[in-house]
Amino acid sequence: MAEVLLRARLAERGVDARVSSAGTLAWGGPATGNASLAVAELGVDLEGHLSRQLTAELVDAADLVIGMTRDHVWRTTTLSPDASGRAFLLGELARLGLRAGPRRPDESERVWA
C-alpha cells in the first residue's frame, strides 16, 4: 500500500523516483481486498502488487528506506548495518526533511538523507 501511494504522490508532483516495497512478514501474495479498497478510495490501484520479503540486497540498493514501525527500521539495519543513516520511520523522515530543507539538484539522496 505504501509503495503505490508514495509512487502516485511523487508522480503528481513530477518527482522521478524509483519506489519499491518489501516487508518483514511478506508472503508473496497479492494485496488484501481491504487494502485494495482503502487505496481505491484515494484513487490508487493495487492491481498486480505482490508482497516480497525484505533482504539485504534490497536494502543495499536503496538510497532511502522508510519504515512504518521501529521494527521495520531495526530489521533494515540488522540486514545491512551501513543502512542506519538512511533508514527512518515515516514521521521521523518528515521531521528531518523539514529540518534539512530541500535536496539540491546536484545532491544524491544518499548524501541528502
PDB file of N, CA and C in Angstrom:
ATOM      1  N   MET A   1       0.805  -1.184   0.000  1.00  0.00           N
ATOM      2  CA  MET A   1       0.000   0.000   0.000  1.00  0.00           C
ATOM      3  C   MET A   1       0.855   1.257   0.000  1.00  0.00           C
ATOM      4  N   ALA A   2       1.838   1.287   0.883  1.00  0.00           N
ATOM      5  CA  ALA A   2       2.691   2.473   0.989  1.00  0.00           C
ATOM      6  C   ALA A   2       3.430   2.732  -0.322  1.00  0.00           C
ATOM      7  N   GLU A   3       3.864   1.669  -0.971  1.00  0.00           N
ATOM      8  CA  GLU A   3       4.603   1.826  -2.229  1.00  0.00           C
ATOM      9  C   GLU A   3       3.764   2.527  -3.286  1.00  0.00           C
ATOM     10  N   VAL A   4       2.560   2.045  -3.515  1.00  0.00           N
ATOM     11  CA  VAL A   4       1.744   2.630  -4.583  1.00  0.00           C
ATOM     12  C   VAL A   4       1.270   4.035  -4.216  1.00  0.00           C
ATOM     13  N   LEU A   5       1.009   4.274  -2.931  1.00  0.00           N
ATOM     14  CA  LEU A   5       0.611   5.623  -2.507  1.00  0.00           C
ATOM     15  C   LEU A   5       1.760   6.613  -2.705  1.00  0.00           C
ATOM     16  N   LEU A   6       2.959   6.243  -2.273  1.00  0.00           N
ATOM     17  CA  LEU A   6       4.108   7.133  -2.432  1.00  0.00           C
ATOM     18  C   LEU A   6       4.418   7.366  -3.901  1.00  0.00           C
ATOM     19  N   ARG A   7       4.403   6.310  -4.700  1.00  0.00           N
ATOM     20  CA  ARG A   7       4.677   6.453  -6.131  1.00  0.00           C
ATOM     21  C   ARG A   7       3.674   7.409  -6.776  1.00  0.00           C
ATOM     22  N   ALA A   8       2.399   7.263  -6.435  1.00  0.00           N
ATOM     23  CA  ALA A   8       1.362   8.121  -7.012  1.00  0.00           C
ATOM     24  C   ALA A   8       1.549   9.575  -6.594  1.00  0.00           C
ATOM     25  N   ARG A   9       1.850   9.805  -5.327  1.00  0.00           N
ATOM     26  CA  ARG A   9       2.010  11.182  -4.846  1.00  0.00           C
ATOM     27  C   ARG A   9       3.260  11.835  -5.418  1.00  0.00           C
ATOM     28  N   LEU A  10       4.335  11.081  -5.564  1.00  0.00           N
ATOM     29  CA  LEU A  10       5.547  11.635  -6.178  1.00  0.00           C
ATOM     30  C   LEU A  10       5.304  11.961  -7.647  1.00  0.00           C
ATOM     31  N   ALA A  11       4.596  11.087  -8.352  1.00  0.00           N
ATOM     32  CA  ALA A  11       4.290  11.327  -9.763  1.00  0.00           C
ATOM     33  C   ALA A  11       3.432  12.586  -9.920  1.00  0.00           C
ATOM     34  N   GLU A  12       2.483  12.798  -9.007  1.00  0.00           N
ATOM     35  CA  GLU A  12       1.651  14.006  -9.052  1.00  0.00           C
ATOM     36  C   GLU A  12       2.493  15.269  -8.964  1.00  0.00           C
ATOM     37  N   ARG A  13       3.620  15.173  -8.264  1.00  0.00           N
ATOM     38  CA  ARG A  13       4.492  16.327  -8.064  1.00  0.00           C
ATOM     39  C   ARG A  13       5.637  16.374  -9.065  1.00  0.00           C
ATOM     40  N   GLY A  14       5.639  15.452 -10.021  1.00  0.00           N
ATOM     41  CA  GLY A  14       6.674  15.433 -11.046  1.00  0.00           C
ATOM     42  C   GLY A  14       8.021  14.939 -10.551  1.00  0.00           C
ATOM     43  N   VAL A  15       8.034  14.189  -9.455  1.00  0.00           N
ATOM     44  CA  VAL A  15       9.284  13.673  -8.903  1.00  0.00           C
ATOM     45  C   VAL A  15       9.584  12.329  -9.543  1.00  0.00           C
ATOM     46  N   ASP A  16      10.743  12.227 -10.174  1.00  0.00           N
ATOM     47  CA  ASP A  16      11.174  10.988 -10.798  1.00  0.00           C
ATOM     48  C   ASP A  16      11.928  10.168  -9.757  1.00  0.00           C
ATOM     49  N   ALA A  17      11.279   9.133  -9.240  1.00  0.00           N
ATOM     50  CA  ALA A  17      11.904   8.305  -8.207  1.00  0.00           C
ATOM     51  C   ALA A  17      11.520   6.850  -8.418  1.00  0.00           C
ATOM     52  N   ARG A  18      12.437   5.982  -8.095  1.00  0.00           N
ATOM     53  CA  ARG A  18      12.165   4.535  -8.117  1.00  0.00           C
ATOM     54  C   ARG A  18      11.662   4.170  -6.727  1.00  0.00           C
ATOM     55  N   VAL A  19      10.458   3.648  -6.644  1.00  0.00           N
ATOM     56  CA  VAL A  19       9.841   3.301  -5.367  1.00  0.00           C
ATOM     57  C   VAL A  19       9.500   1.824  -5.379  1.00  0.00           C
ATOM     58  N   SER A  20       9.909   1.119  -4.352  1.00  0.00           N
ATOM     59  CA  SER A  20       9.542  -0.288  -4.228  1.00  0.00           C
ATOM     60  C   SER A  20       9.318  -0.596  -2.759  1.00  0.00           C
ATOM     61  N   SER A  21       8.685  -1.723  -2.504  1.00  0.00           N
ATOM     62  CA  SER A  21       8.409  -2.072  -1.115  1.00  0.00           C
ATOM     63  C   SER A  21       8.755  -3.529  -0.857  1.00  0.00           C
ATOM     64  N   ALA A  22       9.012  -3.797   0.395  1.00  0.00           N
ATOM     65  CA  ALA A  22       9.254  -5.155   0.871  1.00  0.00           C
ATOM     66  C   ALA A  22       8.888  -5.155   2.341  1.00  0.00           C
ATOM     67  N   GLY A  23       8.540  -6.299   2.833  1.00  0.00           N
ATOM     68  CA  GLY A  23       8.097  -6.364   4.218  1.00  0.00           C
ATOM     69  C   GLY A  23       8.845  -7.395   5.040  1.00  0.00           C
ATOM     70  N   THR A  24       8.648  -7.315   6.316  1.00  0.00           N
ATOM     71  CA  THR A  24       9.288  -8.253   7.228  1.00  0.00           C
ATOM     72  C   THR A  24       8.479  -9.535   7.373  1.00  0.00           C
ATOM     73  N   LEU A  25       7.212  -9.505   6.966  1.00  0.00           N
ATOM     74  CA  LEU A  25       6.359 -10.691   7.027  1.00  0.00           C
ATOM     75  C   LEU A  25       5.741 -10.997   5.667  1.00  0.00           C
ATOM     76  N   ALA A  26       6.439 -10.700   4.599  1.00  0.00           N
ATOM     77  CA  ALA A  26       5.896 -10.865   3.250  1.00  0.00           C
ATOM     78  C   ALA A  26       5.566 -12.324   2.969  1.00  0.00           C
ATOM     79  N   TRP A  27       4.447 -12.541   2.322  1.00  0.00           N
ATOM     80  CA  TRP A  27       4.025 -13.897   1.997  1.00  0.00           C
ATOM     81  C   TRP A  27       4.006 -14.161   0.501  1.00  0.00           C
ATOM     82  N   GLY A  28       4.394 -13.197  -0.313  1.00  0.00           N
ATOM     83  CA  GLY A  28       4.464 -13.389  -1.754  1.00  0.00           C
ATOM     84  C   GLY A  28       3.115 -13.415  -2.438  1.00  0.00           C
ATOM     85  N   GLY A  29       2.133 -12.810  -1.814  1.00  0.00           N
ATOM     86  CA  GLY A  29       0.790 -12.810  -2.380  1.00  0.00           C
ATOM     87  C   GLY A  29       0.326 -11.412  -2.741  1.00  0.00           C
ATOM     88  N   PRO A  30      -0.867 -11.342  -3.302  1.00  0.00           N
ATOM     89  CA  PRO A  30      -1.422 -10.040  -3.680  1.00  0.00           C
ATOM     90  C   PRO A  30      -1.896  -9.265  -2.466  1.00  0.00           C
ATOM     91  N   ALA A  31      -2.204  -8.013  -2.689  1.00  0.00           N
ATOM     92  CA  ALA A  31      -2.756  -7.174  -1.618  1.00  0.00           C
ATOM     93  C   ALA A  31      -4.105  -7.730  -1.177  1.00  0.00           C
ATOM     94  N   THR A  32      -4.432  -7.508   0.067  1.00  0.00           N
ATOM     95  CA  THR A  32      -5.734  -7.959   0.571  1.00  0.00           C
ATOM     96  C   THR A  32      -6.847  -7.119  -0.039  1.00  0.00           C
ATOM     97  N   GLY A  33      -8.036  -7.649  -0.003  1.00  0.00           N
ATOM     98  CA  GLY A  33      -9.190  -6.915  -0.512  1.00  0.00           C
ATOM     99  C   GLY A  33      -9.397  -5.607   0.215  1.00  0.00           C
ATOM    100  N   ASN A  34      -9.205  -5.616   1.539  1.00  0.00           N
ATOM    101  CA  ASN A  34      -9.362  -4.385   2.327  1.00  0.00           C
ATOM    102  C   ASN A  34      -8.335  -3.329   1.938  1.00  0.00           C
ATOM    103  N   ALA A  35      -7.090  -3.752   1.710  1.00  0.00           N
ATOM    104  CA  ALA A  35      -6.054  -2.803   1.293  1.00  0.00           C
ATOM    105  C   ALA A  35      -6.400  -2.212  -0.067  1.00  0.00           C
ATOM    106  N   SER A  36      -6.860  -3.051  -0.987  1.00  0.00           N
ATOM    107  CA  SER A  36      -7.239  -2.563  -2.319  1.00  0.00           C
ATOM    108  C   SER A  36      -8.374  -1.557  -2.242  1.00  0.00           C
ATOM    109  N   LEU A  37      -9.361  -1.836  -1.398  1.00  0.00           N
ATOM    110  CA  LEU A  37     -10.483  -0.902  -1.227  1.00  0.00           C
ATOM    111  C   LEU A  37     -10.022   0.415  -0.621  1.00  0.00           C
ATOM    112  N   ALA A  38      -9.131   0.332   0.369  1.00  0.00           N
ATOM    113  CA  ALA A  38      -8.660   1.542   1.054  1.00  0.00           C
ATOM    114  C   ALA A  38      -7.934   2.481   0.091  1.00  0.00           C
ATOM    115  N   VAL A  39      -7.048   1.956  -0.730  1.00  0.00           N
ATOM    116  CA  VAL A  39      -6.309   2.825  -1.638  1.00  0.00           C
ATOM    117  C   VAL A  39      -7.149   3.238  -2.838  1.00  0.00           C
ATOM    118  N   ALA A  40      -8.125   2.417  -3.199  1.00  0.00           N
ATOM    119  CA  ALA A  40      -9.021   2.790  -4.298  1.00  0.00           C
ATOM    120  C   ALA A  40      -9.784   4.063  -3.950  1.00  0.00           C
ATOM    121  N   GLU A  41     -10.112   4.233  -2.670  1.00  0.00           N
ATOM    122  CA  GLU A  41     -10.785   5.456  -2.219  1.00  0.00           C
ATOM    123  C   GLU A  41      -9.903   6.685  -2.409  1.00  0.00           C
ATOM    124  N   LEU A  42      -8.597   6.464  -2.512  1.00  0.00           N
ATOM    125  CA  LEU A  42      -7.642   7.551  -2.725  1.00  0.00           C
ATOM    126  C   LEU A  42      -7.230   7.662  -4.190  1.00  0.00           C
ATOM    127  N   GLY A  43      -7.880   6.876  -5.045  1.00  0.00           N
ATOM    128  CA  GLY A  43      -7.594   6.942  -6.470  1.00  0.00           C
ATOM    129  C   GLY A  43      -6.380   6.160  -6.910  1.00  0.00           C
ATOM    130  N   VAL A  44      -5.979   5.167  -6.133  1.00  0.00           N
ATOM    131  CA  VAL A  44      -4.784   4.378  -6.438  1.00  0.00           C
ATOM    132  C   VAL A  44      -5.186   2.913  -6.596  1.00  0.00           C
ATOM    133  N   ASP A  45      -4.534   2.207  -7.504  1.00  0.00           N
ATOM    134  CA  ASP A  45      -4.867   0.818  -7.809  1.00  0.00           C
ATOM    135  C   ASP A  45      -3.746  -0.114  -7.355  1.00  0.00           C
ATOM    136  N   LEU A  46      -4.103  -1.171  -6.646  1.00  0.00           N
ATOM    137  CA  LEU A  46      -3.121  -2.159  -6.198  1.00  0.00           C
ATOM    138  C   LEU A  46      -3.057  -3.383  -7.114  1.00  0.00           C
ATOM    139  N   GLU A  47      -3.711  -3.319  -8.247  1.00  0.00           N
ATOM    140  CA  GLU A  47      -3.709  -4.444  -9.190  1.00  0.00           C
ATOM    141  C   GLU A  47      -2.273  -4.819  -9.554  1.00  0.00           C
ATOM    142  N   GLY A  48      -1.969  -6.084  -9.442  1.00  0.00           N
ATOM    143  CA  GLY A  48      -0.651  -6.574  -9.810  1.00  0.00           C
ATOM    144  C   GLY A  48       0.393  -6.493  -8.704  1.00  0.00           C
ATOM    145  N   HIS A  49       0.047  -5.878  -7.572  1.00  0.00           N
ATOM    146  CA  HIS A  49       1.013  -5.776  -6.475  1.00  0.00           C
ATOM    147  C   HIS A  49       1.183  -7.135  -5.792  1.00  0.00           C
ATOM    148  N   LEU A  50       2.416  -7.525  -5.554  1.00  0.00           N
ATOM    149  CA  LEU A  50       2.725  -8.746  -4.806  1.00  0.00           C
ATOM    150  C   LEU A  50       3.701  -8.392  -3.690  1.00  0.00           C
ATOM    151  N   SER A  51       3.446  -8.932  -2.514  1.00  0.00           N
ATOM    152  CA  SER A  51       4.366  -8.667  -1.410  1.00  0.00           C
ATOM    153  C   SER A  51       5.664  -9.448  -1.628  1.00  0.00           C
ATOM    154  N   ARG A  52       6.730  -8.941  -1.013  1.00  0.00           N
ATOM    155  CA  ARG A  52       8.002  -9.654  -1.061  1.00  0.00           C
ATOM    156  C   ARG A  52       8.763  -9.402   0.228  1.00  0.00           C
ATOM    157  N   GLN A  53       9.685 -10.299   0.512  1.00  0.00           N
ATOM    158  CA  GLN A  53      10.458 -10.268   1.746  1.00  0.00           C
ATOM    159  C   GLN A  53      11.597  -9.256   1.652  1.00  0.00           C
ATOM    160  N   LEU A  54      11.820  -8.507   2.703  1.00  0.00           N
ATOM    161  CA  LEU A  54      12.947  -7.586   2.783  1.00  0.00           C
ATOM    162  C   LEU A  54      14.241  -8.390   2.842  1.00  0.00           C
ATOM    163  N   THR A  55      15.220  -7.991   2.036  1.00  0.00           N
ATOM    164  CA  THR A  55      16.516  -8.676   2.001  1.00  0.00           C
ATOM    165  C   THR A  55      17.638  -7.651   2.104  1.00  0.00           C
ATOM    166  N   ALA A  56      18.817  -8.122   2.425  1.00  0.00           N
ATOM    167  CA  ALA A  56      19.996  -7.254   2.483  1.00  0.00           C
ATOM    168  C   ALA A  56      20.269  -6.626   1.118  1.00  0.00           C
ATOM    169  N   GLU A  57      20.039  -7.372   0.055  1.00  0.00           N
ATOM    170  CA  GLU A  57      20.281  -6.851  -1.291  1.00  0.00           C
ATOM    171  C   GLU A  57      19.357  -5.675  -1.599  1.00  0.00           C
ATOM    172  N   LEU A  58      18.092  -5.783  -1.206  1.00  0.00           N
ATOM    173  CA  LEU A  58      17.148  -4.678  -1.421  1.00  0.00           C
ATOM    174  C   LEU A  58      17.560  -3.450  -0.608  1.00  0.00           C
ATOM    175  N   VAL A  59      17.957  -3.666   0.630  1.00  0.00           N
ATOM    176  CA  VAL A  59      18.382  -2.551   1.490  1.00  0.00           C
ATOM    177  C   VAL A  59      19.624  -1.890   0.903  1.00  0.00           C
ATOM    178  N   ASP A  60      20.598  -2.681   0.482  1.00  0.00           N
ATOM    179  CA  ASP A  60      21.840  -2.130  -0.065  1.00  0.00           C
ATOM    180  C   ASP A  60      21.600  -1.322  -1.339  1.00  0.00           C
ATOM    181  N   ALA A  61      20.589  -1.687  -2.107  1.00  0.00           N
ATOM    182  CA  ALA A  61      20.295  -0.987  -3.361  1.00  0.00           C
ATOM    183  C   ALA A  61      19.486   0.295  -3.141  1.00  0.00           C
ATOM    184  N   ALA A  62      18.959   0.480  -1.945  1.00  0.00           N
ATOM    185  CA  ALA A  62      18.079   1.626  -1.668  1.00  0.00           C
ATOM    186  C   ALA A  62      18.866   2.854  -1.227  1.00  0.00           C
ATOM    187  N   ASP A  63      18.466   4.008  -1.746  1.00  0.00           N
ATOM    188  CA  ASP A  63      19.035   5.271  -1.292  1.00  0.00           C
ATOM    189  C   ASP A  63      18.394   5.702   0.018  1.00  0.00           C
ATOM    190  N   LEU A  64      17.146   5.315   0.205  1.00  0.00           N
ATOM    191  CA  LEU A  64      16.377   5.701   1.376  1.00  0.00           C
ATOM    192  C   LEU A  64      15.422   4.574   1.715  1.00  0.00           C
ATOM    193  N   VAL A  65      15.325   4.219   2.995  1.00  0.00           N
ATOM    194  CA  VAL A  65      14.401   3.190   3.444  1.00  0.00           C
ATOM    195  C   VAL A  65      13.449   3.833   4.444  1.00  0.00           C
ATOM    196  N   ILE A  66      12.150   3.724   4.167  1.00  0.00           N
ATOM    197  CA  ILE A  66      11.128   4.294   5.040  1.00  0.00           C
ATOM    198  C   ILE A  66      10.389   3.149   5.704  1.00  0.00           C
ATOM    199  N   GLY A  67      10.482   3.076   7.019  1.00  0.00           N
ATOM    200  CA  GLY A  67       9.784   2.050   7.775  1.00  0.00           C
ATOM    201  C   GLY A  67       8.513   2.603   8.398  1.00  0.00           C
ATOM    202  N   MET A  68       7.517   1.762   8.516  1.00  0.00           N
ATOM    203  CA  MET A  68       6.264   2.169   9.149  1.00  0.00           C
ATOM    204  C   MET A  68       6.320   1.962  10.659  1.00  0.00           C
ATOM    205  N   THR A  69       7.195   1.061  11.108  1.00  0.00           N
ATOM    206  CA  THR A  69       7.342   0.792  12.545  1.00  0.00           C
ATOM    207  C   THR A  69       8.830   0.752  12.896  1.00  0.00           C
ATOM    208  N   ARG A  70       9.126   0.869  14.177  1.00  0.00           N
ATOM    209  CA  ARG A  70      10.522   0.771  14.627  1.00  0.00           C
ATOM    210  C   ARG A  70      11.117  -0.591  14.283  1.00  0.00           C
ATOM    211  N   ASP A  71      10.275  -1.633  14.325  1.00  0.00           N
ATOM    212  CA  ASP A  71      10.762  -2.965  13.974  1.00  0.00           C
ATOM    213  C   ASP A  71      11.230  -3.006  12.521  1.00  0.00           C
ATOM    214  N   HIS A  72      10.534  -2.310  11.630  1.00  0.00           N
ATOM    215  CA  HIS A  72      10.964  -2.273  10.221  1.00  0.00           C
ATOM    216  C   HIS A  72      12.341  -1.637  10.088  1.00  0.00           C
ATOM    217  N   VAL A  73      12.573  -0.538  10.788  1.00  0.00           N
ATOM    218  CA  VAL A  73      13.869   0.137  10.734  1.00  0.00           C
ATOM    219  C   VAL A  73      14.945  -0.750  11.365  1.00  0.00           C
ATOM    220  N   TRP A  74      14.613  -1.358  12.500  1.00  0.00           N
ATOM    221  CA  TRP A  74      15.567  -2.255  13.161  1.00  0.00           C
ATOM    222  C   TRP A  74      15.931  -3.411  12.235  1.00  0.00           C
ATOM    223  N   ARG A  75      14.938  -4.019  11.584  1.00  0.00           N
ATOM    224  CA  ARG A  75      15.192  -5.145  10.688  1.00  0.00           C
ATOM    225  C   ARG A  75      16.068  -4.710   9.514  1.00  0.00           C
ATOM    226  N   THR A  76      15.831  -3.519   9.013  1.00  0.00           N
ATOM    227  CA  THR A  76      16.618  -2.973   7.908  1.00  0.00           C
ATOM    228  C   THR A  76      18.086  -2.879   8.301  1.00  0.00           C
ATOM    229  N   THR A  77      18.347  -2.306   9.472  1.00  0.00           N
ATOM    230  CA  THR A  77      19.736  -2.126   9.900  1.00  0.00           C
ATOM    231  C   THR A  77      20.370  -3.435  10.366  1.00  0.00           C
ATOM    232  N   THR A  78      19.568  -4.410  10.733  1.00  0.00           N
ATOM    233  CA  THR A  78      20.100  -5.734  11.053  1.00  0.00           C
ATOM    234  C   THR A  78      20.577  -6.424   9.777  1.00  0.00           C
ATOM    235  N   LEU A  79      19.806  -6.266   8.703  1.00  0.00           N
ATOM    236  CA  LEU A  79      20.193  -6.870   7.425  1.00  0.00           C
ATOM    237  C   LEU A  79      21.403  -6.173   6.810  1.00  0.00           C
ATOM    238  N   SER A  80      21.491  -4.862   7.002  1.00  0.00           N
ATOM    239  CA  SER A  80      22.568  -4.077   6.408  1.00  0.00           C
ATOM    240  C   SER A  80      22.945  -2.946   7.368  1.00  0.00           C
ATOM    241  N   PRO A  81      23.901  -3.184   8.263  1.00  0.00           N
ATOM    242  CA  PRO A  81      24.244  -2.191   9.282  1.00  0.00           C
ATOM    243  C   PRO A  81      24.605  -0.808   8.734  1.00  0.00           C
ATOM    244  N   ASP A  82      25.170  -0.730   7.535  1.00  0.00           N
ATOM    245  CA  ASP A  82      25.529   0.578   6.997  1.00  0.00           C
ATOM    246  C   ASP A  82      24.304   1.375   6.532  1.00  0.00           C
ATOM    247  N   ALA A  83      23.113   0.800   6.618  1.00  0.00           N
ATOM    248  CA  ALA A  83      21.885   1.500   6.238  1.00  0.00           C
ATOM    249  C   ALA A  83      21.345   2.379   7.355  1.00  0.00           C
ATOM    250  N   SER A  84      21.997   2.386   8.501  1.00  0.00           N
ATOM    251  CA  SER A  84      21.450   3.125   9.649  1.00  0.00           C
ATOM    252  C   SER A  84      21.293   4.623   9.381  1.00  0.00           C
ATOM    253  N   GLY A  85      22.097   5.185   8.508  1.00  0.00           N
ATOM    254  CA  GLY A  85      21.985   6.600   8.193  1.00  0.00           C
ATOM    255  C   GLY A  85      20.965   6.928   7.118  1.00  0.00           C
ATOM    256  N   ARG A  86      20.293   5.903   6.577  1.00  0.00           N
ATOM    257  CA  ARG A  86      19.298   6.135   5.530  1.00  0.00           C
ATOM    258  C   ARG A  86      18.024   5.322   5.728  1.00  0.00           C
ATOM    259  N   ALA A  87      17.821   4.841   6.936  1.00  0.00           N
ATOM    260  CA  ALA A  87      16.598   4.104   7.286  1.00  0.00           C
ATOM    261  C   ALA A  87      15.886   4.866   8.404  1.00  0.00           C
ATOM    262  N   PHE A  88      14.654   5.274   8.122  1.00  0.00           N
ATOM    263  CA  PHE A  88      13.920   6.126   9.045  1.00  0.00           C
ATOM    264  C   PHE A  88      12.463   5.702   9.146  1.00  0.00           C
ATOM    265  N   LEU A  89      11.865   6.032  10.270  1.00  0.00           N
ATOM    266  CA  LEU A  89      10.412   5.955  10.379  1.00  0.00           C
ATOM    267  C   LEU A  89       9.819   7.065   9.521  1.00  0.00           C
ATOM    268  N   LEU A  90       8.621   6.862   9.003  1.00  0.00           N
ATOM    269  CA  LEU A  90       7.995   7.859   8.142  1.00  0.00           C
ATOM    270  C   LEU A  90       7.905   9.221   8.830  1.00  0.00           C
ATOM    271  N   GLY A  91       7.397   9.258  10.056  1.00  0.00           N
ATOM    272  CA  GLY A  91       7.269  10.528  10.776  1.00  0.00           C
ATOM    273  C   GLY A  91       8.613  11.169  11.069  1.00  0.00           C
ATOM    274  N   GLU A  92       9.587  10.349  11.399  1.00  0.00           N
ATOM    275  CA  GLU A  92      10.942  10.832  11.664  1.00  0.00           C
ATOM    276  C   GLU A  92      11.533  11.461  10.404  1.00  0.00           C
ATOM    277  N   LEU A  93      11.328  10.809   9.253  1.00  0.00           N
ATOM    278  CA  LEU A  93      11.847  11.333   7.996  1.00  0.00           C
ATOM    279  C   LEU A  93      11.216  12.678   7.662  1.00  0.00           C
ATOM    280  N   ALA A  94       9.931  12.806   7.908  1.00  0.00           N
ATOM    281  CA  ALA A  94       9.250  14.079   7.636  1.00  0.00           C
ATOM    282  C   ALA A  94       9.850  15.200   8.478  1.00  0.00           C
ATOM    283  N   ARG A  95      10.077  14.947   9.755  1.00  0.00           N
ATOM    284  CA  ARG A  95      10.683  15.971  10.629  1.00  0.00           C
ATOM    285  C   ARG A  95      12.113  16.300  10.195  1.00  0.00           C
ATOM    286  N   LEU A  96      12.907  15.289   9.882  1.00  0.00           N
ATOM    287  CA  LEU A  96      14.284  15.521   9.453  1.00  0.00           C
ATOM    288  C   LEU A  96      14.333  16.254   8.115  1.00  0.00           C
ATOM    289  N   GLY A  97      13.404  15.924   7.218  1.00  0.00           N
ATOM    290  CA  GLY A  97      13.353  16.594   5.918  1.00  0.00           C
ATOM    291  C   GLY A  97      13.038  18.067   6.060  1.00  0.00           C
ATOM    292  N   LEU A  98      12.121  18.394   6.962  1.00  0.00           N
ATOM    293  CA  LEU A  98      11.811  19.808   7.200  1.00  0.00           C
ATOM    294  C   LEU A  98      13.026  20.544   7.737  1.00  0.00           C
ATOM    295  N   ARG A  99      13.755  19.890   8.613  1.00  0.00           N
ATOM    296  CA  ARG A  99      14.945  20.499   9.200  1.00  0.00           C
ATOM    297  C   ARG A  99      16.065  20.648   8.170  1.00  0.00           C
ATOM    298  N   ALA A 100      16.238  19.635   7.312  1.00  0.00           N
ATOM    299  CA  ALA A 100      17.330  19.654   6.325  1.00  0.00           C
ATOM    300  C   ALA A 100      17.030  20.564   5.145  1.00  0.00           C
ATOM    301  N   GLY A 101      15.756  20.737   4.838  1.00  0.00           N
ATOM    302  CA  GLY A 101      15.386  21.540   3.679  1.00  0.00           C
ATOM    303  C   GLY A 101      15.434  20.721   2.410  1.00  0.00           C
ATOM    304  N   PRO A 102      15.099  21.316   1.286  1.00  0.00           N
ATOM    305  CA  PRO A 102      15.054  20.584   0.013  1.00  0.00           C
ATOM    306  C   PRO A 102      16.421  20.063  -0.405  1.00  0.00           C
ATOM    307  N   ARG A 103      16.386  18.942  -1.087  1.00  0.00           N
ATOM    308  CA  ARG A 103      17.614  18.365  -1.643  1.00  0.00           C
ATOM    309  C   ARG A 103      18.000  19.170  -2.873  1.00  0.00           C
ATOM    310  N   ARG A 104      19.267  19.522  -2.973  1.00  0.00           N
ATOM    311  CA  ARG A 104      19.759  20.250  -4.153  1.00  0.00           C
ATOM    312  C   ARG A 104      19.763  19.322  -5.363  1.00  0.00           C
ATOM    313  N   PRO A 105      19.589  19.869  -6.553  1.00  0.00           N
ATOM    314  CA  PRO A 105      19.586  19.038  -7.764  1.00  0.00           C
ATOM    315  C   PRO A 105      20.869  18.231  -7.948  1.00  0.00           C
ATOM    316  N   ASP A 106      21.996  18.745  -7.493  1.00  0.00           N
ATOM    317  CA  ASP A 106      23.270  18.039  -7.648  1.00  0.00           C
ATOM    318  C   ASP A 106      23.595  17.111  -6.471  1.00  0.00           C
ATOM    319  N   GLU A 107      22.663  16.978  -5.532  1.00  0.00           N
ATOM    320  CA  GLU A 107      22.884  16.202  -4.313  1.00  0.00           C
ATOM    321  C   GLU A 107      22.136  14.871  -4.403  1.00  0.00           C
ATOM    322  N   SER A 108      22.842  13.758  -4.211  1.00  0.00           N
ATOM    323  CA  SER A 108      22.189  12.448  -4.272  1.00  0.00           C
ATOM    324  C   SER A 108      21.327  12.252  -3.031  1.00  0.00           C
ATOM    325  N   GLU A 109      20.377  11.334  -3.132  1.00  0.00           N
ATOM    326  CA  GLU A 109      19.516  11.037  -1.996  1.00  0.00           C
ATOM    327  C   GLU A 109      20.320  10.498  -0.815  1.00  0.00           C
ATOM    328  N   ARG A 110      21.344   9.706  -1.104  1.00  0.00           N
ATOM    329  CA  ARG A 110      22.155   9.150  -0.014  1.00  0.00           C
ATOM    330  C   ARG A 110      22.894  10.246   0.746  1.00  0.00           C
ATOM    331  N   VAL A 111      23.358  11.263   0.051  1.00  0.00           N
ATOM    332  CA  VAL A 111      24.067  12.367   0.718  1.00  0.00           C
ATOM    333  C   VAL A 111      23.080  13.238   1.477  1.00  0.00           C
ATOM    334  N   TRP A 112      21.924  13.540   0.864  1.00  0.00           N
ATOM    335  CA  TRP A 112      20.928  14.411   1.493  1.00  0.00           C
ATOM    336  C   TRP A 112      20.333  13.758   2.732  1.00  0.00           C
ATOM    337  N   ALA A 113      20.003  12.463   2.634  1.00  0.00           N
ATOM    338  CA  ALA A 113      19.355  11.766   3.759  1.00  0.00           C
ATOM    339  C   ALA A 113      20.342  11.638   4.884  1.00  0.00           C
TER     340      ALA A 113
END
